[in-house]
PDB file of N, CA and C in Angstrom:
ATOM      1  N   MET A   1      -1.396 -15.134  -9.069  1.00  0.00           N
ATOM      2  CA  MET A   1      -0.865 -13.800  -9.208  1.00  0.00           C
ATOM      3  C   MET A   1      -0.072 -13.481  -7.929  1.00  0.00           C
ATOM      4  N   ALA A   2       1.213 -13.284  -8.044  1.00  0.00           N
ATOM      5  CA  ALA A   2       2.058 -13.052  -6.893  1.00  0.00           C
ATOM      6  C   ALA A   2       1.831 -11.647  -6.307  1.00  0.00           C
ATOM      7  N   GLN A   3       1.751 -11.519  -5.039  1.00  0.00           N
ATOM      8  CA  GLN A   3       1.654 -10.217  -4.395  1.00  0.00           C
ATOM      9  C   GLN A   3       3.044  -9.748  -3.974  1.00  0.00           C
ATOM     10  N   VAL A   4       3.836  -9.387  -5.058  1.00  0.00           N
ATOM     11  CA  VAL A   4       5.215  -8.920  -4.836  1.00  0.00           C
ATOM     12  C   VAL A   4       5.456  -7.660  -5.654  1.00  0.00           C
ATOM     13  N   CYS A   5       6.106  -6.660  -5.024  1.00  0.00           N
ATOM     14  CA  CYS A   5       6.436  -5.436  -5.724  1.00  0.00           C
ATOM     15  C   CYS A   5       7.576  -5.725  -6.681  1.00  0.00           C
ATOM     16  N   ALA A   6       7.480  -5.243  -7.949  1.00  0.00           N
ATOM     17  CA  ALA A   6       8.489  -5.490  -8.951  1.00  0.00           C
ATOM     18  C   ALA A   6       9.764  -4.687  -8.755  1.00  0.00           C
ATOM     19  N   ILE A   7       9.698  -3.618  -7.938  1.00  0.00           N
ATOM     20  CA  ILE A   7      10.856  -2.793  -7.689  1.00  0.00           C
ATOM     21  C   ILE A   7      11.639  -3.168  -6.466  1.00  0.00           C
ATOM     22  N   CYS A   8      10.946  -3.181  -5.260  1.00  0.00           N
ATOM     23  CA  CYS A   8      11.646  -3.424  -4.043  1.00  0.00           C
ATOM     24  C   CYS A   8      11.517  -4.865  -3.528  1.00  0.00           C
ATOM     25  N   GLY A   9      10.605  -5.652  -4.083  1.00  0.00           N
ATOM     26  CA  GLY A   9      10.396  -7.032  -3.666  1.00  0.00           C
ATOM     27  C   GLY A   9       9.570  -7.228  -2.427  1.00  0.00           C
ATOM     28  N   LYS A  10       8.872  -6.178  -2.017  1.00  0.00           N
ATOM     29  CA  LYS A  10       8.005  -6.269  -0.866  1.00  0.00           C
ATOM     30  C   LYS A  10       6.938  -7.319  -1.094  1.00  0.00           C
ATOM     31  N   ARG A  11       6.662  -8.209  -0.104  1.00  0.00           N
ATOM     32  CA  ARG A  11       5.711  -9.271  -0.281  1.00  0.00           C
ATOM     33  C   ARG A  11       4.880  -9.423   0.979  1.00  0.00           C
ATOM     34  N   SER A  12       3.967 -10.370   0.949  1.00  0.00           N
ATOM     35  CA  SER A  12       3.055 -10.594   2.097  1.00  0.00           C
ATOM     36  C   SER A  12       3.839 -11.050   3.344  1.00  0.00           C
ATOM     37  N   LEU A  13       3.305 -10.633   4.507  1.00  0.00           N
ATOM     38  CA  LEU A  13       3.872 -11.069   5.757  1.00  0.00           C
ATOM     39  C   LEU A  13       2.819 -11.867   6.521  1.00  0.00           C
ATOM     40  N   ASN A  14       3.237 -12.907   7.274  1.00  0.00           N
ATOM     41  CA  ASN A  14       2.295 -13.743   8.028  1.00  0.00           C
ATOM     42  C   ASN A  14       2.471 -13.450   9.490  1.00  0.00           C
ATOM     43  N   GLY A  15       1.393 -13.628  10.230  1.00  0.00           N
ATOM     44  CA  GLY A  15       1.425 -13.436  11.692  1.00  0.00           C
ATOM     45  C   GLY A  15       0.208 -14.011  12.315  1.00  0.00           C
ATOM     46  N   ASN A  16      -0.068 -13.591  13.534  1.00  0.00           N
ATOM     47  CA  ASN A  16      -1.220 -14.035  14.288  1.00  0.00           C
ATOM     48  C   ASN A  16      -2.235 -12.933  14.546  1.00  0.00           C
ATOM     49  N   ARG A  17      -3.535 -13.255  14.438  1.00  0.00           N
ATOM     50  CA  ARG A  17      -4.580 -12.378  14.905  1.00  0.00           C
ATOM     51  C   ARG A  17      -4.903 -12.803  16.313  1.00  0.00           C
ATOM     52  N   ILE A  18      -4.806 -11.871  17.239  1.00  0.00           N
ATOM     53  CA  ILE A  18      -5.024 -12.212  18.662  1.00  0.00           C
ATOM     54  C   ILE A  18      -6.222 -11.391  19.157  1.00  0.00           C
ATOM     55  N   SER A  19      -7.202 -12.127  19.629  1.00  0.00           N
ATOM     56  CA  SER A  19      -8.427 -11.496  20.095  1.00  0.00           C
ATOM     57  C   SER A  19      -8.238 -11.017  21.550  1.00  0.00           C
ATOM     58  N   HIS A  20      -9.237 -10.329  22.075  1.00  0.00           N
ATOM     59  CA  HIS A  20      -9.173  -9.859  23.458  1.00  0.00           C
ATOM     60  C   HIS A  20      -9.079 -11.028  24.467  1.00  0.00           C
ATOM     61  N   ALA A  21      -9.699 -12.151  24.078  1.00  0.00           N
ATOM     62  CA  ALA A  21      -9.621 -13.362  24.932  1.00  0.00           C
ATOM     63  C   ALA A  21      -8.366 -14.198  24.651  1.00  0.00           C
ATOM     64  N   HIS A  22      -7.488 -13.606  23.854  1.00  0.00           N
ATOM     65  CA  HIS A  22      -6.188 -14.243  23.484  1.00  0.00           C
ATOM     66  C   HIS A  22      -6.372 -15.486  22.641  1.00  0.00           C
ATOM     67  N   ASN A  23      -7.455 -15.582  21.859  1.00  0.00           N
ATOM     68  CA  ASN A  23      -7.568 -16.619  20.888  1.00  0.00           C
ATOM     69  C   ASN A  23      -6.677 -16.261  19.695  1.00  0.00           C
ATOM     70  N   VAL A  24      -5.910 -17.240  19.192  1.00  0.00           N
ATOM     71  CA  VAL A  24      -4.938 -16.950  18.187  1.00  0.00           C
ATOM     72  C   VAL A  24      -5.316 -17.665  16.901  1.00  0.00           C
ATOM     73  N   SER A  25      -5.353 -16.924  15.782  1.00  0.00           N
ATOM     74  CA  SER A  25      -5.511 -17.512  14.476  1.00  0.00           C
ATOM     75  C   SER A  25      -4.625 -16.800  13.481  1.00  0.00           C
ATOM     76  N   LYS A  26      -4.353 -17.464  12.367  1.00  0.00           N
ATOM     77  CA  LYS A  26      -3.408 -16.933  11.382  1.00  0.00           C
ATOM     78  C   LYS A  26      -4.019 -15.733  10.648  1.00  0.00           C
ATOM     79  N   ARG A  27      -3.187 -14.807  10.236  1.00  0.00           N
ATOM     80  CA  ARG A  27      -3.580 -13.687   9.416  1.00  0.00           C
ATOM     81  C   ARG A  27      -2.482 -13.302   8.471  1.00  0.00           C
ATOM     82  N   GLN A  28      -2.748 -12.375   7.539  1.00  0.00           N
ATOM     83  CA  GLN A  28      -1.777 -12.020   6.529  1.00  0.00           C
ATOM     84  C   GLN A  28      -1.852 -10.532   6.263  1.00  0.00           C
ATOM     85  N   TRP A  29      -0.691  -9.872   6.221  1.00  0.00           N
ATOM     86  CA  TRP A  29      -0.620  -8.473   5.809  1.00  0.00           C
ATOM     87  C   TRP A  29      -0.150  -8.430   4.386  1.00  0.00           C
ATOM     88  N   LYS A  30      -0.870  -7.717   3.555  1.00  0.00           N
ATOM     89  CA  LYS A  30      -0.521  -7.671   2.128  1.00  0.00           C
ATOM     90  C   LYS A  30      -0.058  -6.233   1.785  1.00  0.00           C
ATOM     91  N   PRO A  31       0.939  -6.130   0.887  1.00  0.00           N
ATOM     92  CA  PRO A  31       1.418  -4.824   0.485  1.00  0.00           C
ATOM     93  C   PRO A  31       0.381  -4.109  -0.349  1.00  0.00           C
ATOM     94  N   ASN A  32       0.436  -2.785  -0.368  1.00  0.00           N
ATOM     95  CA  ASN A  32      -0.436  -1.945  -1.146  1.00  0.00           C
ATOM     96  C   ASN A  32       0.076  -1.819  -2.544  1.00  0.00           C
ATOM     97  N   LEU A  33      -0.282  -2.794  -3.390  1.00  0.00           N
ATOM     98  CA  LEU A  33       0.200  -2.818  -4.757  1.00  0.00           C
ATOM     99  C   LEU A  33      -0.763  -2.267  -5.785  1.00  0.00           C
ATOM    100  N   HIS A  34      -0.154  -1.627  -6.826  1.00  0.00           N
ATOM    101  CA  HIS A  34      -0.946  -1.130  -7.899  1.00  0.00           C
ATOM    102  C   HIS A  34      -0.332  -1.571  -9.181  1.00  0.00           C
ATOM    103  N   VAL A  35      -1.159  -1.847 -10.196  1.00  0.00           N
ATOM    104  CA  VAL A  35      -0.643  -2.169 -11.529  1.00  0.00           C
ATOM    105  C   VAL A  35      -0.496  -0.853 -12.288  1.00  0.00           C
ATOM    106  N   VAL A  36       0.717  -0.580 -12.732  1.00  0.00           N
ATOM    107  CA  VAL A  36       0.993   0.707 -13.415  1.00  0.00           C
ATOM    108  C   VAL A  36       1.738   0.402 -14.759  1.00  0.00           C
ATOM    109  N   HIS A  37       1.531   1.308 -15.712  1.00  0.00           N
ATOM    110  CA  HIS A  37       2.323   1.248 -16.951  1.00  0.00           C
ATOM    111  C   HIS A  37       3.576   2.030 -16.688  1.00  0.00           C
ATOM    112  N   ALA A  38       4.736   1.338 -16.717  1.00  0.00           N
ATOM    113  CA  ALA A  38       6.001   1.954 -16.387  1.00  0.00           C
ATOM    114  C   ALA A  38       7.034   1.672 -17.506  1.00  0.00           C
ATOM    115  N   VAL A  39       8.044   2.549 -17.553  1.00  0.00           N
ATOM    116  CA  VAL A  39       9.117   2.338 -18.531  1.00  0.00           C
ATOM    117  C   VAL A  39      10.163   1.473 -17.862  1.00  0.00           C
ATOM    118  N   VAL A  40      10.368   0.239 -18.436  1.00  0.00           N
ATOM    119  CA  VAL A  40      11.367  -0.663 -17.973  1.00  0.00           C
ATOM    120  C   VAL A  40      12.268  -1.007 -19.143  1.00  0.00           C
ATOM    121  N   ALA A  41      13.525  -0.707 -18.931  1.00  0.00           N
ATOM    122  CA  ALA A  41      14.585  -0.985 -19.989  1.00  0.00           C
ATOM    123  C   ALA A  41      14.165  -0.393 -21.340  1.00  0.00           C
ATOM    124  N   GLY A  42      13.597   0.820 -21.318  1.00  0.00           N
ATOM    125  CA  GLY A  42      13.246   1.494 -22.574  1.00  0.00           C
ATOM    126  C   GLY A  42      11.961   1.118 -23.161  1.00  0.00           C
ATOM    127  N   GLN A  43      11.219   0.151 -22.546  1.00  0.00           N
ATOM    128  CA  GLN A  43       9.947  -0.306 -23.063  1.00  0.00           C
ATOM    129  C   GLN A  43       8.874  -0.066 -22.043  1.00  0.00           C
ATOM    130  N   THR A  44       7.657   0.075 -22.497  1.00  0.00           N
ATOM    131  CA  THR A  44       6.517   0.277 -21.619  1.00  0.00           C
ATOM    132  C   THR A  44       5.955  -1.120 -21.203  1.00  0.00           C
ATOM    133  N   LYS A  45       5.858  -1.356 -19.898  1.00  0.00           N
ATOM    134  CA  LYS A  45       5.339  -2.620 -19.399  1.00  0.00           C
ATOM    135  C   LYS A  45       4.403  -2.355 -18.242  1.00  0.00           C
ATOM    136  N   ARG A  46       3.485  -3.302 -18.032  1.00  0.00           N
ATOM    137  CA  ARG A  46       2.571  -3.251 -16.885  1.00  0.00           C
ATOM    138  C   ARG A  46       3.249  -4.041 -15.727  1.00  0.00           C
ATOM    139  N   ILE A  47       3.491  -3.386 -14.629  1.00  0.00           N
ATOM    140  CA  ILE A  47       4.144  -4.021 -13.505  1.00  0.00           C
ATOM    141  C   ILE A  47       3.376  -3.663 -12.211  1.00  0.00           C
ATOM    142  N   LYS A  48       3.484  -4.560 -11.255  1.00  0.00           N
ATOM    143  CA  LYS A  48       2.910  -4.304  -9.945  1.00  0.00           C
ATOM    144  C   LYS A  48       3.908  -3.618  -9.072  1.00  0.00           C
ATOM    145  N   VAL A  49       3.549  -2.460  -8.499  1.00  0.00           N
ATOM    146  CA  VAL A  49       4.450  -1.654  -7.744  1.00  0.00           C
ATOM    147  C   VAL A  49       3.756  -1.228  -6.482  1.00  0.00           C
ATOM    148  N   CYS A  50       4.492  -1.233  -5.364  1.00  0.00           N
ATOM    149  CA  CYS A  50       3.898  -0.773  -4.088  1.00  0.00           C
ATOM    150  C   CYS A  50       3.844   0.744  -4.108  1.00  0.00           C
ATOM    151  N   THR A  51       2.960   1.314  -3.317  1.00  0.00           N
ATOM    152  CA  THR A  51       2.737   2.762  -3.326  1.00  0.00           C
ATOM    153  C   THR A  51       3.969   3.494  -2.773  1.00  0.00           C
ATOM    154  N   ARG A  52       4.736   2.884  -1.964  1.00  0.00           N
ATOM    155  CA  ARG A  52       5.923   3.548  -1.423  1.00  0.00           C
ATOM    156  C   ARG A  52       6.934   3.769  -2.512  1.00  0.00           C
ATOM    157  N   CYS A  53       7.123   2.786  -3.408  1.00  0.00           N
ATOM    158  CA  CYS A  53       8.027   3.002  -4.566  1.00  0.00           C
ATOM    159  C   CYS A  53       7.555   4.048  -5.553  1.00  0.00           C
ATOM    160  N   MET A  54       6.226   4.128  -5.768  1.00  0.00           N
ATOM    161  CA  MET A  54       5.659   5.152  -6.614  1.00  0.00           C
ATOM    162  C   MET A  54       5.882   6.509  -6.003  1.00  0.00           C
ATOM    163  N   ARG A  55       5.658   6.637  -4.684  1.00  0.00           N
ATOM    164  CA  ARG A  55       5.761   7.947  -4.006  1.00  0.00           C
ATOM    165  C   ARG A  55       7.191   8.401  -3.989  1.00  0.00           C
ATOM    166  N   SER A  56       8.144   7.481  -3.827  1.00  0.00           N
ATOM    167  CA  SER A  56       9.591   7.857  -3.695  1.00  0.00           C
ATOM    168  C   SER A  56      10.235   8.129  -5.043  1.00  0.00           C
ATOM    169  N   GLY A  57       9.514   7.886  -6.148  1.00  0.00           N
ATOM    170  CA  GLY A  57      10.060   8.185  -7.456  1.00  0.00           C
ATOM    171  C   GLY A  57      10.920   7.091  -8.036  1.00  0.00           C
ATOM    172  N   LYS A  58      10.833   5.900  -7.521  1.00  0.00           N
ATOM    173  CA  LYS A  58      11.620   4.781  -8.104  1.00  0.00           C
ATOM    174  C   LYS A  58      11.002   4.245  -9.377  1.00  0.00           C
ATOM    175  N   VAL A  59       9.775   4.662  -9.700  1.00  0.00           N
ATOM    176  CA  VAL A  59       9.063   4.160 -10.898  1.00  0.00           C
ATOM    177  C   VAL A  59       8.861   5.357 -11.853  1.00  0.00           C
ATOM    178  N   LEU A  60       9.277   5.116 -13.104  1.00  0.00           N
ATOM    179  CA  LEU A  60       9.055   6.117 -14.153  1.00  0.00           C
ATOM    180  C   LEU A  60       7.797   5.719 -14.908  1.00  0.00           C
ATOM    181  N   LYS A  61       6.673   6.403 -14.660  1.00  0.00           N
ATOM    182  CA  LYS A  61       5.410   6.036 -15.287  1.00  0.00           C
ATOM    183  C   LYS A  61       5.504   6.400 -16.788  1.00  0.00           C
ATOM    184  N   ALA A  62       4.879   5.534 -17.598  1.00  0.00           N
ATOM    185  CA  ALA A  62       4.839   5.745 -19.013  1.00  0.00           C
ATOM    186  C   ALA A  62       3.702   6.719 -19.379  1.00  0.00           C
ATOM    187  N   SER A  63       3.910   7.587 -20.328  1.00  0.00           N
ATOM    188  CA  SER A  63       2.850   8.459 -20.799  1.00  0.00           C
ATOM    189  C   SER A  63       2.014   7.691 -21.836  1.00  0.00           C
ATOM    190  N   ARG A  64       0.720   7.873 -21.778  1.00  0.00           N
ATOM    191  CA  ARG A  64      -0.135   7.143 -22.677  1.00  0.00           C
ATOM    192  C   ARG A  64      -0.360   7.890 -23.939  1.00  0.00           C
TER     193      ARG A  64
END
């Protein structure tokens, strides 16, 4: 299951976790995605959308 927003394409970012002793290990930042029922091309579909796209009104939620 891909961690990608269907609207803006936001995806996971990689970087380093650095401790106080400067030990370095890999870590990952994941986007805050939610599965929502949205209207896409006139049809209701379940899509993964980041919360920023939902808050900004880029997603038209489908009424149940």
